[in-house]
PDB file of N, CA and C in Angstrom:
ATOM      1  N   MET A   1      64.811  49.295 -30.936  1.00  0.00           N
ATOM      2  CA  MET A   1      64.676  47.870 -30.657  1.00  0.00           C
ATOM      3  C   MET A   1      66.003  47.331 -30.132  1.00  0.00           C
ATOM      4  N   SER A   2      65.940  46.500 -29.133  1.00  0.00           N
ATOM      5  CA  SER A   2      67.132  45.924 -28.514  1.00  0.00           C
ATOM      6  C   SER A   2      67.729  44.844 -29.407  1.00  0.00           C
ATOM      7  N   GLU A   3      69.063  44.765 -29.420  1.00  0.00           N
ATOM      8  CA  GLU A   3      69.747  43.727 -30.187  1.00  0.00           C
ATOM      9  C   GLU A   3      69.641  42.370 -29.508  1.00  0.00           C
ATOM     10  N   HIS A   4      69.495  42.366 -28.189  1.00  0.00           N
ATOM     11  CA  HIS A   4      69.436  41.133 -27.420  1.00  0.00           C
ATOM     12  C   HIS A   4      68.030  40.953 -26.876  1.00  0.00           C
ATOM     13  N   PRO A   5      67.326  39.945 -27.346  1.00  0.00           N
ATOM     14  CA  PRO A   5      65.978  39.717 -26.821  1.00  0.00           C
ATOM     15  C   PRO A   5      66.031  39.314 -25.356  1.00  0.00           C
ATOM     16  N   ALA A   6      64.954  39.585 -24.663  1.00  0.00           N
ATOM     17  CA  ALA A   6      64.866  39.201 -23.250  1.00  0.00           C
ATOM     18  C   ALA A   6      64.936  37.683 -23.147  1.00  0.00           C
ATOM     19  N   THR A   7      65.554  37.213 -22.087  1.00  0.00           N
ATOM     20  CA  THR A   7      65.664  35.774 -21.883  1.00  0.00           C
ATOM     21  C   THR A   7      64.275  35.210 -21.655  1.00  0.00           C
ATOM     22  N   GLY A   8      63.917  34.226 -22.457  1.00  0.00           N
ATOM     23  CA  GLY A   8      62.606  33.605 -22.356  1.00  0.00           C
ATOM     24  C   GLY A   8      62.629  32.410 -21.450  1.00  0.00           C
ATOM     25  N   GLY A   9      61.494  31.776 -21.340  1.00  0.00           N
ATOM     26  CA  GLY A   9      61.369  30.617 -20.474  1.00  0.00           C
ATOM     27  C   GLY A   9      62.262  29.465 -20.890  1.00  0.00           C
ATOM     28  N   ALA A  10      62.409  29.249 -22.197  1.00  0.00           N
ATOM     29  CA  ALA A  10      63.230  28.133 -22.679  1.00  0.00           C
ATOM     30  C   ALA A  10      64.686  28.318 -22.297  1.00  0.00           C
ATOM     31  N   GLU A  11      65.194  29.534 -22.450  1.00  0.00           N
ATOM     32  CA  GLU A  11      66.590  29.800 -22.094  1.00  0.00           C
ATOM     33  C   GLU A  11      66.813  29.668 -20.593  1.00  0.00           C
ATOM     34  N   ALA A  12      65.864  30.143 -19.807  1.00  0.00           N
ATOM     35  CA  ALA A  12      65.972  30.044 -18.349  1.00  0.00           C
ATOM     36  C   ALA A  12      65.945  28.581 -17.905  1.00  0.00           C
ATOM     37  N   GLU A  13      65.093  27.783 -18.554  1.00  0.00           N
ATOM     38  CA  GLU A  13      65.020  26.360 -18.210  1.00  0.00           C
ATOM     39  C   GLU A  13      66.320  25.647 -18.581  1.00  0.00           C
ATOM     40  N   LEU A  14      66.881  25.976 -19.741  1.00  0.00           N
ATOM     41  CA  LEU A  14      68.141  25.379 -20.169  1.00  0.00           C
ATOM     42  C   LEU A  14      69.258  25.721 -19.181  1.00  0.00           C
ATOM     43  N   ALA A  15      69.313  26.981 -18.757  1.00  0.00           N
ATOM     44  CA  ALA A  15      70.340  27.403 -17.800  1.00  0.00           C
ATOM     45  C   ALA A  15      70.183  26.670 -16.473  1.00  0.00           C
ATOM     46  N   SER A  16      68.949  26.479 -16.042  1.00  0.00           N
ATOM     47  CA  SER A  16      68.727  25.818 -14.751  1.00  0.00           C
ATOM     48  C   SER A  16      69.122  24.347 -14.791  1.00  0.00           C
ATOM     49  N   LYS A  17      69.150  23.730 -15.972  1.00  0.00           N
ATOM     50  CA  LYS A  17      69.533  22.324 -16.107  1.00  0.00           C
ATOM     51  C   LYS A  17      70.992  22.145 -16.473  1.00  0.00           C
ATOM     52  N   SER A  18      71.700  23.226 -16.719  1.00  0.00           N
ATOM     53  CA  SER A  18      73.090  23.167 -17.145  1.00  0.00           C
ATOM     54  C   SER A  18      74.006  22.784 -15.986  1.00  0.00           C
ATOM     55  N   SER A  19      74.880  21.794 -16.213  1.00  0.00           N
ATOM     56  CA  SER A  19      75.817  21.399 -15.162  1.00  0.00           C
ATOM     57  C   SER A  19      76.842  22.504 -14.910  1.00  0.00           C
ATOM     58  N   LEU A  20      77.195  23.252 -15.945  1.00  0.00           N
ATOM     59  CA  LEU A  20      78.120  24.372 -15.780  1.00  0.00           C
ATOM     60  C   LEU A  20      77.502  25.445 -14.885  1.00  0.00           C
ATOM     61  N   TYR A  21      76.238  25.729 -15.116  1.00  0.00           N
ATOM     62  CA  TYR A  21      75.539  26.723 -14.291  1.00  0.00           C
ATOM     63  C   TYR A  21      75.418  26.227 -12.851  1.00  0.00           C
ATOM     64  N   ALA A  22      75.157  24.944 -12.685  1.00  0.00           N
ATOM     65  CA  ALA A  22      75.061  24.372 -11.340  1.00  0.00           C
ATOM     66  C   ALA A  22      76.400  24.499 -10.608  1.00  0.00           C
ATOM     67  N   GLU A  23      77.508  24.273 -11.315  1.00  0.00           N
ATOM     68  CA  GLU A  23      78.832  24.428 -10.708  1.00  0.00           C
ATOM     69  C   GLU A  23      79.084  25.882 -10.325  1.00  0.00           C
ATOM     70  N   PHE A  24      78.682  26.798 -11.201  1.00  0.00           N
ATOM     71  CA  PHE A  24      78.818  28.228 -10.898  1.00  0.00           C
ATOM     72  C   PHE A  24      78.062  28.571  -9.614  1.00  0.00           C
ATOM     73  N   LEU A  25      76.836  28.106  -9.497  1.00  0.00           N
ATOM     74  CA  LEU A  25      76.034  28.406  -8.307  1.00  0.00           C
ATOM     75  C   LEU A  25      76.650  27.795  -7.053  1.00  0.00           C
ATOM     76  N   ALA A  26      77.188  26.591  -7.167  1.00  0.00           N
ATOM     77  CA  ALA A  26      77.818  25.934  -6.010  1.00  0.00           C
ATOM     78  C   ALA A  26      79.058  26.705  -5.570  1.00  0.00           C
ATOM     79  N   GLU A  27      79.862  27.154  -6.533  1.00  0.00           N
ATOM     80  CA  GLU A  27      81.060  27.947  -6.202  1.00  0.00           C
ATOM     81  C   GLU A  27      80.664  29.261  -5.560  1.00  0.00           C
ATOM     82  N   ARG A  28      79.661  29.900  -6.127  1.00  0.00           N
ATOM     83  CA  ARG A  28      79.191  31.188  -5.582  1.00  0.00           C
ATOM     84  C   ARG A  28      78.741  31.023  -4.131  1.00  0.00           C
ATOM     85  N   GLU A  29      78.033  29.935  -3.856  1.00  0.00           N
ATOM     86  CA  GLU A  29      77.582  29.667  -2.493  1.00  0.00           C
ATOM     87  C   GLU A  29      78.770  29.500  -1.542  1.00  0.00           C
ATOM     88  N   GLU A  30      79.811  28.799  -1.984  1.00  0.00           N
ATOM     89  CA  GLU A  30      81.013  28.620  -1.158  1.00  0.00           C
ATOM     90  C   GLU A  30      81.715  29.956  -0.920  1.00  0.00           C
ATOM     91  N   ILE A  31      81.776  30.784  -1.931  1.00  0.00           N
ATOM     92  CA  ILE A  31      82.412  32.106  -1.791  1.00  0.00           C
ATOM     93  C   ILE A  31      81.631  32.954  -0.800  1.00  0.00           C
ATOM     94  N   LEU A  32      80.313  32.928  -0.882  1.00  0.00           N
ATOM     95  CA  LEU A  32      79.492  33.692   0.066  1.00  0.00           C
ATOM     96  C   LEU A  32      79.662  33.174   1.490  1.00  0.00           C
ATOM     97  N   ARG A  33      79.776  31.853   1.635  1.00  0.00           N
ATOM     98  CA  ARG A  33      80.023  31.272   2.966  1.00  0.00           C
ATOM     99  C   ARG A  33      81.387  31.728   3.491  1.00  0.00           C
ATOM    100  N   HIS A  34      82.391  31.697   2.616  1.00  0.00           N
ATOM    101  CA  HIS A  34      83.735  32.145   2.980  1.00  0.00           C
ATOM    102  C   HIS A  34      83.715  33.627   3.370  1.00  0.00           C
ATOM    103  N   LYS A  35      82.988  34.430   2.621  1.00  0.00           N
ATOM    104  CA  LYS A  35      82.861  35.874   2.915  1.00  0.00           C
ATOM    105  C   LYS A  35      82.271  36.078   4.314  1.00  0.00           C
ATOM    106  N   TRP A  36      81.249  35.307   4.645  1.00  0.00           N
ATOM    107  CA  TRP A  36      80.614  35.437   5.950  1.00  0.00           C
ATOM    108  C   TRP A  36      81.593  35.063   7.063  1.00  0.00           C
ATOM    109  N   ILE A  37      82.265  33.925   6.909  1.00  0.00           N
ATOM    110  CA  ILE A  37      83.210  33.471   7.937  1.00  0.00           C
ATOM    111  C   ILE A  37      84.336  34.479   8.132  1.00  0.00           C
ATOM    112  N   GLU A  38      84.947  34.908   7.039  1.00  0.00           N
ATOM    113  CA  GLU A  38      86.068  35.849   7.139  1.00  0.00           C
ATOM    114  C   GLU A  38      85.621  37.217   7.639  1.00  0.00           C
ATOM    115  N   SER A  39      84.422  37.628   7.289  1.00  0.00           N
ATOM    116  CA  SER A  39      83.890  38.898   7.792  1.00  0.00           C
ATOM    117  C   SER A  39      83.668  38.832   9.296  1.00  0.00           C
ATOM    118  N   GLU A  40      83.166  37.691   9.765  1.00  0.00           N
ATOM    119  CA  GLU A  40      82.987  37.508  11.209  1.00  0.00           C
ATOM    120  C   GLU A  40      84.334  37.585  11.929  1.00  0.00           C
ATOM    121  N   LYS A  41      85.355  36.936  11.378  1.00  0.00           N
ATOM    122  CA  LYS A  41      86.692  36.975  11.978  1.00  0.00           C
ATOM    123  C   LYS A  41      87.234  38.396  12.016  1.00  0.00           C
ATOM    124  N   ALA A  42      87.016  39.148  10.925  1.00  0.00           N
ATOM    125  CA  ALA A  42      87.554  40.508  10.818  1.00  0.00           C
ATOM    126  C   ALA A  42      86.733  41.522  11.609  1.00  0.00           C
ATOM    127  N   GLY A  43      85.503  41.181  11.932  1.00  0.00           N
ATOM    128  CA  GLY A  43      84.640  42.107  12.654  1.00  0.00           C
ATOM    129  C   GLY A  43      83.977  43.137  11.753  1.00  0.00           C
ATOM    130  N   HIS A  44      84.085  42.943  10.439  1.00  0.00           N
ATOM    131  CA  HIS A  44      83.425  43.824   9.468  1.00  0.00           C
ATOM    132  C   HIS A  44      83.306  43.094   8.137  1.00  0.00           C
ATOM    133  N   ASP A  45      82.460  43.613   7.283  1.00  0.00           N
ATOM    134  CA  ASP A  45      82.246  42.999   5.972  1.00  0.00           C
ATOM    135  C   ASP A  45      83.501  43.163   5.125  1.00  0.00           C
ATOM    136  N   ILE A  46      84.068  42.044   4.675  1.00  0.00           N
ATOM    137  CA  ILE A  46      85.290  42.123   3.862  1.00  0.00           C
ATOM    138  C   ILE A  46      84.989  42.360   2.386  1.00  0.00           C
ATOM    139  N   GLY A  47      83.742  42.193   2.001  1.00  0.00           N
ATOM    140  CA  GLY A  47      83.354  42.422   0.615  1.00  0.00           C
ATOM    141  C   GLY A  47      83.503  41.171  -0.240  1.00  0.00           C
ATOM    142  N   PHE A  48      82.684  41.109  -1.285  1.00  0.00           N
ATOM    143  CA  PHE A  48      82.658  39.927  -2.144  1.00  0.00           C
ATOM    144  C   PHE A  48      83.969  39.751  -2.900  1.00  0.00           C
ATOM    145  N   GLU A  49      84.524  40.834  -3.419  1.00  0.00           N
ATOM    146  CA  GLU A  49      85.741  40.718  -4.229  1.00  0.00           C
ATOM    147  C   GLU A  49      86.905  40.148  -3.422  1.00  0.00           C
ATOM    148  N   ARG A  50      87.094  40.635  -2.222  1.00  0.00           N
ATOM    149  CA  ARG A  50      88.177  40.118  -1.376  1.00  0.00           C
ATOM    150  C   ARG A  50      87.945  38.649  -1.030  1.00  0.00           C
ATOM    151  N   ALA A  51      86.692  38.306  -0.726  1.00  0.00           N
ATOM    152  CA  ALA A  51      86.373  36.914  -0.415  1.00  0.00           C
ATOM    153  C   ALA A  51      86.596  36.022  -1.634  1.00  0.00           C
ATOM    154  N   LEU A  52      86.211  36.502  -2.790  1.00  0.00           N
ATOM    155  CA  LEU A  52      86.401  35.752  -4.028  1.00  0.00           C
ATOM    156  C   LEU A  52      87.877  35.474  -4.282  1.00  0.00           C
ATOM    157  N   ILE A  53      88.698  36.487  -4.175  1.00  0.00           N
ATOM    158  CA  ILE A  53      90.130  36.335  -4.419  1.00  0.00           C
ATOM    159  C   ILE A  53      90.754  35.387  -3.400  1.00  0.00           C
ATOM    160  N   ASP A  54      90.424  35.583  -2.128  1.00  0.00           N
ATOM    161  CA  ASP A  54      90.990  34.738  -1.077  1.00  0.00           C
ATOM    162  C   ASP A  54      90.544  33.287  -1.247  1.00  0.00           C
ATOM    163  N   TRP A  55      89.273  33.062  -1.489  1.00  0.00           N
ATOM    164  CA  TRP A  55      88.754  31.704  -1.647  1.00  0.00           C
ATOM    165  C   TRP A  55      89.368  31.035  -2.868  1.00  0.00           C
ATOM    166  N   THR A  56      89.483  31.780  -3.964  1.00  0.00           N
ATOM    167  CA  THR A  56      90.057  31.227  -5.190  1.00  0.00           C
ATOM    168  C   THR A  56      91.511  30.829  -4.981  1.00  0.00           C
ATOM    169  N   ARG A  57      92.275  31.683  -4.334  1.00  0.00           N
ATOM    170  CA  ARG A  57      93.699  31.405  -4.101  1.00  0.00           C
ATOM    171  C   ARG A  57      93.924  30.278  -3.104  1.00  0.00           C
ATOM    172  N   ASN A  58      93.107  30.220  -2.067  1.00  0.00           N
ATOM    173  CA  ASN A  58      93.405  29.329  -0.944  1.00  0.00           C
ATOM    174  C   ASN A  58      92.534  28.085  -0.816  1.00  0.00           C
ATOM    175  N   HIS A  59      91.388  28.051  -1.489  1.00  0.00           N
ATOM    176  CA  HIS A  59      90.464  26.945  -1.240  1.00  0.00           C
ATOM    177  C   HIS A  59      89.871  26.309  -2.492  1.00  0.00           C
ATOM    178  N   ARG A  60      89.848  27.014  -3.605  1.00  0.00           N
ATOM    179  CA  ARG A  60      89.128  26.542  -4.784  1.00  0.00           C
ATOM    180  C   ARG A  60      89.632  25.195  -5.306  1.00  0.00           C
ATOM    181  N   ALA A  61      90.917  25.012  -5.450  1.00  0.00           N
ATOM    182  CA  ALA A  61      91.452  23.769  -6.010  1.00  0.00           C
ATOM    183  C   ALA A  61      91.051  22.564  -5.161  1.00  0.00           C
ATOM    184  N   ARG A  62      91.181  22.684  -3.850  1.00  0.00           N
ATOM    185  CA  ARG A  62      90.817  21.573  -2.958  1.00  0.00           C
ATOM    186  C   ARG A  62      89.306  21.325  -3.006  1.00  0.00           C
ATOM    187  N   TRP A  63      88.519  22.406  -2.999  1.00  0.00           N
ATOM    188  CA  TRP A  63      87.066  22.281  -3.050  1.00  0.00           C
ATOM    189  C   TRP A  63      86.630  21.580  -4.340  1.00  0.00           C
ATOM    190  N   ARG A  64      87.213  21.964  -5.465  1.00  0.00           N
ATOM    191  CA  ARG A  64      86.855  21.350  -6.748  1.00  0.00           C
ATOM    192  C   ARG A  64      87.245  19.871  -6.775  1.00  0.00           C
ATOM    193  N   LYS A  65      88.432  19.551  -6.243  1.00  0.00           N
ATOM    194  CA  LYS A  65      88.880  18.157  -6.222  1.00  0.00           C
ATOM    195  C   LYS A  65      87.953  17.320  -5.344  1.00  0.00           C
ATOM    196  N   GLU A  66      87.625  17.818  -4.157  1.00  0.00           N
ATOM    197  CA  GLU A  66      86.736  17.093  -3.261  1.00  0.00           C
ATOM    198  C   GLU A  66      85.355  16.922  -3.880  1.00  0.00           C
ATOM    199  N   ARG A  67      84.888  17.941  -4.542  1.00  0.00           N
ATOM    200  CA  ARG A  67      83.571  17.889  -5.193  1.00  0.00           C
ATOM    201  C   ARG A  67      83.593  16.868  -6.349  1.00  0.00           C
ATOM    202  N   ARG A  68      84.644  16.900  -7.132  1.00  0.00           N
ATOM    203  CA  ARG A  68      84.784  15.973  -8.263  1.00  0.00           C
ATOM    204  C   ARG A  68      84.899  14.530  -7.754  1.00  0.00           C
ATOM    205  N   ASP A  69      85.735  14.319  -6.735  1.00  0.00           N
ATOM    206  CA  ASP A  69      85.907  12.974  -6.176  1.00  0.00           C
ATOM    207  C   ASP A  69      84.614  12.468  -5.528  1.00  0.00           C
ATOM    208  N   GLY A  70      83.891  13.354  -4.902  1.00  0.00           N
ATOM    209  CA  GLY A  70      82.621  12.992  -4.281  1.00  0.00           C
ATOM    210  C   GLY A  70      81.578  12.576  -5.310  1.00  0.00           C
ATOM    211  N   LYS A  71      81.581  13.219  -6.462  1.00  0.00           N
ATOM    212  CA  LYS A  71      80.634  12.869  -7.515  1.00  0.00           C
ATOM    213  C   LYS A  71      80.952  11.505  -8.111  1.00  0.00           C
ATOM    214  N   ARG A  72      82.240  11.154  -8.179  1.00  0.00           N
ATOM    215  CA  ARG A  72      82.638   9.862  -8.714  1.00  0.00           C
ATOM    216  C   ARG A  72      82.187   8.729  -7.788  1.00  0.00           C
ATOM    217  N   ALA A  73      82.255   8.992  -6.481  1.00  0.00           N
ATOM    218  CA  ALA A  73      81.911   7.965  -5.509  1.00  0.00           C
ATOM    219  C   ALA A  73      80.403   7.692  -5.484  1.00  0.00           C
ATOM    220  N   SER A  74      79.616   8.675  -5.913  1.00  0.00           N
ATOM    221  CA  SER A  74      78.145   8.517  -5.877  1.00  0.00           C
ATOM    222  C   SER A  74      77.649   7.552  -6.918  1.00  0.00           C
TER     223      SER A  74
END
């Protein structure tokens, strides 16, 4: 018997309504967009890890600030 039960509908629904999870998904989408752009520039797939590191170092702080400021204005 498994120690961790399978995620049920209630847990999945809670995760889908979580603001933390929503932020994770938004960041992931930005990283994937960054990966695509940088891969196009390089002429080959740079890989998720490289895109993640580059985006985190060079764009994450500004993206988070703009996102936070945009939410306040709404």
